[in-house]
């Protein structure tokens, strides 16, 4: 068994949202930049917000795995 896996906490007890302010800033900036970019390229507000939300959800998932 890998030593890193043996000492890690169970995924059930991990936080789902980022707790550090830097992590929240990174997720917020990714949401804002991706939503603004899609809005500038397409001019559609709803699709820009949905795409920004998708990017934010993926970023939260990546941060929670770290």
C-alpha atoms as a PDB file:
ATOM      1  CA  UNK A   1       0.000   0.000   0.000  1.00  0.00           C
ATOM      2  CA  UNK A   2       1.245   3.472  -0.846  1.00  0.00           C
ATOM      3  CA  UNK A   3       2.396   5.506   2.143  1.00  0.00           C
ATOM      4  CA  UNK A   4       0.678   8.621   0.839  1.00  0.00           C
ATOM      5  CA  UNK A   5      -2.650   6.836   0.602  1.00  0.00           C
ATOM      6  CA  UNK A   6      -2.377   5.183   3.986  1.00  0.00           C
ATOM      7  CA  UNK A   7      -1.968   8.459   5.889  1.00  0.00           C
ATOM      8  CA  UNK A   8      -4.502  10.498   3.930  1.00  0.00           C
ATOM      9  CA  UNK A   9      -7.902  11.300   5.343  1.00  0.00           C
ATOM     10  CA  UNK A  10     -11.032   9.703   4.016  1.00  0.00           C
ATOM     11  CA  UNK A  11     -12.714  11.610   1.157  1.00  0.00           C
ATOM     12  CA  UNK A  12     -15.908  11.608   3.207  1.00  0.00           C
ATOM     13  CA  UNK A  13     -14.379  14.027   5.721  1.00  0.00           C
ATOM     14  CA  UNK A  14     -12.874  16.481   3.247  1.00  0.00           C
ATOM     15  CA  UNK A  15     -14.345  19.942   2.864  1.00  0.00           C
ATOM     16  CA  UNK A  16     -16.260  20.554  -0.349  1.00  0.00           C
ATOM     17  CA  UNK A  17     -15.599  24.294  -0.526  1.00  0.00           C
ATOM     18  CA  UNK A  18     -12.158  25.871  -0.408  1.00  0.00           C
ATOM     19  CA  UNK A  19     -11.324  27.137   3.065  1.00  0.00           C
ATOM     20  CA  UNK A  20      -8.324  29.340   2.375  1.00  0.00           C
ATOM     21  CA  UNK A  21      -8.889  32.864   1.042  1.00  0.00           C
ATOM     22  CA  UNK A  22      -6.336  32.303  -1.709  1.00  0.00           C
ATOM     23  CA  UNK A  23      -8.220  29.236  -2.931  1.00  0.00           C
ATOM     24  CA  UNK A  24     -11.486  31.200  -2.920  1.00  0.00           C
ATOM     25  CA  UNK A  25      -9.778  34.006  -4.829  1.00  0.00           C
ATOM     26  CA  UNK A  26      -8.495  31.569  -7.457  1.00  0.00           C
ATOM     27  CA  UNK A  27     -11.939  30.005  -7.927  1.00  0.00           C
ATOM     28  CA  UNK A  28     -13.587  33.430  -8.115  1.00  0.00           C
ATOM     29  CA  UNK A  29     -11.073  34.727 -10.628  1.00  0.00           C
ATOM     30  CA  UNK A  30     -11.481  31.630 -12.798  1.00  0.00           C
ATOM     31  CA  UNK A  31     -15.261  32.133 -12.759  1.00  0.00           C
ATOM     32  CA  UNK A  32     -15.027  35.839 -13.586  1.00  0.00           C
ATOM     33  CA  UNK A  33     -12.450  35.531 -16.347  1.00  0.00           C
ATOM     34  CA  UNK A  34     -14.120  32.578 -18.044  1.00  0.00           C
ATOM     35  CA  UNK A  35     -17.586  34.156 -17.875  1.00  0.00           C
ATOM     36  CA  UNK A  36     -16.301  37.487 -19.174  1.00  0.00           C
ATOM     37  CA  UNK A  37     -14.406  35.766 -21.976  1.00  0.00           C
ATOM     38  CA  UNK A  38     -17.421  33.811 -23.150  1.00  0.00           C
ATOM     39  CA  UNK A  39     -19.570  36.954 -22.957  1.00  0.00           C
ATOM     40  CA  UNK A  40     -17.084  38.952 -25.032  1.00  0.00           C
ATOM     41  CA  UNK A  41     -16.801  36.199 -27.637  1.00  0.00           C
ATOM     42  CA  UNK A  42     -20.499  35.342 -27.943  1.00  0.00           C
ATOM     43  CA  UNK A  43     -22.474  38.247 -26.460  1.00  0.00           C
ATOM     44  CA  UNK A  44     -24.799  35.838 -24.632  1.00  0.00           C
ATOM     45  CA  UNK A  45     -25.143  36.467 -20.903  1.00  0.00           C
ATOM     46  CA  UNK A  46     -26.808  33.194 -19.903  1.00  0.00           C
ATOM     47  CA  UNK A  47     -24.324  30.929 -21.653  1.00  0.00           C
ATOM     48  CA  UNK A  48     -21.460  32.996 -20.229  1.00  0.00           C
ATOM     49  CA  UNK A  49     -22.789  32.549 -16.691  1.00  0.00           C
ATOM     50  CA  UNK A  50     -23.391  28.833 -17.194  1.00  0.00           C
ATOM     51  CA  UNK A  51     -19.898  28.323 -18.581  1.00  0.00           C
ATOM     52  CA  UNK A  52     -18.405  30.341 -15.715  1.00  0.00           C
ATOM     53  CA  UNK A  53     -20.381  28.241 -13.246  1.00  0.00           C
ATOM     54  CA  UNK A  54     -19.093  25.052 -14.858  1.00  0.00           C
ATOM     55  CA  UNK A  55     -15.508  26.290 -14.605  1.00  0.00           C
ATOM     56  CA  UNK A  56     -16.072  27.236 -10.944  1.00  0.00           C
ATOM     57  CA  UNK A  57     -17.477  23.785 -10.116  1.00  0.00           C
ATOM     58  CA  UNK A  58     -14.502  22.072 -11.741  1.00  0.00           C
ATOM     59  CA  UNK A  59     -12.091  24.395  -9.913  1.00  0.00           C
ATOM     60  CA  UNK A  60     -13.784  23.662  -6.575  1.00  0.00           C
ATOM     61  CA  UNK A  61     -13.467  19.937  -7.296  1.00  0.00           C
ATOM     62  CA  UNK A  62      -9.780  20.267  -8.087  1.00  0.00           C
ATOM     63  CA  UNK A  63      -9.110  22.377  -4.984  1.00  0.00           C
ATOM     64  CA  UNK A  64     -10.974  19.926  -2.747  1.00  0.00           C
ATOM     65  CA  UNK A  65      -8.860  17.052  -4.071  1.00  0.00           C
ATOM     66  CA  UNK A  66      -5.656  18.887  -3.205  1.00  0.00           C
END
